[in-house]
C-alpha atoms as a PDB file:
ATOM      1  CA  MET A   1     117.836  96.237  87.151  1.00  0.00           C
ATOM      2  CA  LEU A   2     118.046  92.828  88.841  1.00  0.00           C
ATOM      3  CA  LYS A   3     121.049  91.815  86.725  1.00  0.00           C
ATOM      4  CA  ILE A   4     122.875  95.025  87.654  1.00  0.00           C
ATOM      5  CA  LEU A   5     122.083  94.453  91.314  1.00  0.00           C
ATOM      6  CA  GLY A   6     123.357  90.883  91.049  1.00  0.00           C
ATOM      7  CA  ARG A   7     126.545  91.939  89.284  1.00  0.00           C
ATOM      8  CA  TYR A   8     127.643  94.775  91.578  1.00  0.00           C
ATOM      9  CA  SER A   9     126.044  94.258  94.989  1.00  0.00           C
ATOM     10  CA  ARG A  10     127.576  92.663  98.077  1.00  0.00           C
ATOM     11  CA  LEU A  11     124.500  92.065 100.232  1.00  0.00           C
ATOM     12  CA  ARG A  12     124.524  90.791 103.781  1.00  0.00           C
ATOM     13  CA  LYS A  13     120.716  90.472 104.086  1.00  0.00           C
ATOM     14  CA  LEU A  14     118.033  90.215 101.451  1.00  0.00           C
ATOM     15  CA  THR A  15     114.329  90.267 102.359  1.00  0.00           C
ATOM     16  CA  MET A  16     111.793  89.980  99.555  1.00  0.00           C
ATOM     17  CA  ALA A  17     108.019  90.059  99.236  1.00  0.00           C
ATOM     18  CA  PHE A  18     106.118  89.187  96.071  1.00  0.00           C
ATOM     19  CA  GLN A  19     102.836  90.969  95.396  1.00  0.00           C
ATOM     20  CA  GLY A  20     100.441  91.401  92.516  1.00  0.00           C
ATOM     21  CA  ARG A  21      97.680  89.526  90.759  1.00  0.00           C
ATOM     22  CA  ARG A  22      99.696  86.462  89.788  1.00  0.00           C
ATOM     23  CA  THR A  23     101.552  83.899  91.836  1.00  0.00           C
ATOM     24  CA  LEU A  24     105.255  83.621  91.022  1.00  0.00           C
ATOM     25  CA  MET A  25     105.875  80.179  89.515  1.00  0.00           C
ATOM     26  CA  LYS A  26     108.703  78.209  87.928  1.00  0.00           C
ATOM     27  CA  ILE A  27     107.557  79.176  84.423  1.00  0.00           C
ATOM     28  CA  ASP A  28     108.600  82.826  84.969  1.00  0.00           C
ATOM     29  CA  TYR A  29     112.008  81.998  83.474  1.00  0.00           C
ATOM     30  CA  ARG A  30     113.396  85.425  82.569  1.00  0.00           C
ATOM     31  CA  PHE A  31     112.506  87.028  85.881  1.00  0.00           C
ATOM     32  CA  LEU A  32     113.836  84.083  87.910  1.00  0.00           C
ATOM     33  CA  ASP A  33     117.092  83.946  85.923  1.00  0.00           C
ATOM     34  CA  ALA A  34     117.668  87.647  86.597  1.00  0.00           C
ATOM     35  CA  LEU A  35     116.732  87.234  90.263  1.00  0.00           C
ATOM     36  CA  ARG A  36     119.110  84.293  90.723  1.00  0.00           C
ATOM     37  CA  THR A  37     122.092  86.502  89.833  1.00  0.00           C
ATOM     38  CA  ILE A  38     121.684  88.221  93.223  1.00  0.00           C
ATOM     39  CA  LYS A  39     123.562  86.653  96.132  1.00  0.00           C
ATOM     40  CA  ALA A  40     123.335  87.462  99.850  1.00  0.00           C
ATOM     41  CA  ASP A  41     124.582  85.959 103.093  1.00  0.00           C
ATOM     42  CA  GLU A  42     121.056  85.739 104.538  1.00  0.00           C
ATOM     43  CA  VAL A  43     117.869  85.467 102.441  1.00  0.00           C
ATOM     44  CA  ARG A  44     114.254  85.764 103.618  1.00  0.00           C
ATOM     45  CA  ILE A  45     111.077  85.699 101.583  1.00  0.00           C
ATOM     46  CA  VAL A  46     108.100  87.144 103.407  1.00  0.00           C
ATOM     47  CA  GLY A  47     104.508  86.656 102.306  1.00  0.00           C
ATOM     48  CA  ASN A  48     103.427  90.261 102.202  1.00  0.00           C
ATOM     49  CA  ALA A  49     104.957  93.638 102.911  1.00  0.00           C
ATOM     50  CA  LYS A  50     102.514  94.282 105.758  1.00  0.00           C
ATOM     51  CA  THR A  51     104.289  94.830 109.033  1.00  0.00           C
ATOM     52  CA  SER A  52     103.447  94.816 112.682  1.00  0.00           C
ATOM     53  CA  GLY A  53     106.144  96.931 114.283  1.00  0.00           C
ATOM     54  CA  ASN A  54     109.442  95.508 113.042  1.00  0.00           C
ATOM     55  CA  HIS A  55     107.985  92.080 112.266  1.00  0.00           C
ATOM     56  CA  TYR A  56     106.680  90.778 108.953  1.00  0.00           C
ATOM     57  CA  TYR A  57     103.724  88.428 108.860  1.00  0.00           C
ATOM     58  CA  TRP A  58     102.352  86.176 106.148  1.00  0.00           C
ATOM     59  CA  ASN A  59      99.441  87.021 103.918  1.00  0.00           C
ATOM     60  CA  PRO A  60      96.932  84.135 103.928  1.00  0.00           C
ATOM     61  CA  HIS A  61      97.421  83.880 100.118  1.00  0.00           C
ATOM     62  CA  PRO A  62     101.169  83.827  99.403  1.00  0.00           C
ATOM     63  CA  LYS A  63     102.250  85.017  95.948  1.00  0.00           C
ATOM     64  CA  ILE A  64     104.993  82.414  95.530  1.00  0.00           C
ATOM     65  CA  THR A  65     104.704  78.645  95.355  1.00  0.00           C
ATOM     66  CA  PRO A  66     106.220  76.866  98.393  1.00  0.00           C
ATOM     67  CA  GLN A  67     108.689  74.782  96.372  1.00  0.00           C
ATOM     68  CA  LEU A  68     109.908  77.829  94.446  1.00  0.00           C
ATOM     69  CA  LYS A  69     110.344  79.719  97.704  1.00  0.00           C
ATOM     70  CA  GLU A  70     112.656  76.997  99.058  1.00  0.00           C
ATOM     71  CA  ASP A  71     114.586  76.829  95.773  1.00  0.00           C
ATOM     72  CA  LEU A  72     115.078  80.600  95.643  1.00  0.00           C
ATOM     73  CA  ILE A  73     116.362  80.761  99.203  1.00  0.00           C
ATOM     74  CA  LYS A  74     118.920  78.047  98.364  1.00  0.00           C
ATOM     75  CA  ASP A  75     119.928  79.718  95.086  1.00  0.00           C
ATOM     76  CA  LEU A  76     120.252  83.239  96.467  1.00  0.00           C
ATOM     77  CA  ALA A  77     122.072  82.359  99.687  1.00  0.00           C
ATOM     78  CA  ARG A  78     125.819  82.687  99.316  1.00  0.00           C
ATOM     79  CA  GLU A  79     127.695  79.515 100.321  1.00  0.00           C
ATOM     80  CA  LYS A  80     130.835  81.299 101.470  1.00  0.00           C
ATOM     81  CA  LYS A  81     129.729  84.197 103.671  1.00  0.00           C
ATOM     82  CA  LEU A  82     131.255  87.631 103.065  1.00  0.00           C
ATOM     83  CA  TYR A  83     130.244  89.044 106.428  1.00  0.00           C
ATOM     84  CA  PHE A  84     130.818  87.700 109.918  1.00  0.00           C
ATOM     85  CA  ALA A  85     127.747  86.875 111.985  1.00  0.00           C
ATOM     86  CA  ARG A  86     126.759  89.541 114.495  1.00  0.00           C
ATOM     87  CA  LYS A  87     126.548  88.515 118.125  1.00  0.00           C
END
């Protein structure tokens, strides 16, 4: 599903949250390779899907390592933007 999304989508914003028993790490090769096919103009990774109104807030135990989070944001963000910034 991720590869199809990466192949055919033209996303302006992408917000992700990782949940479950395990922490997402660099050794999850197949999942990360499929995820890196997705590109968006603006990428955010939130700690947990809990919301307070329209705002996301971090879970005290994030499910992604900090270095991987930075790397994913760089990899998924499109260098040449498809959409103009809203004012």
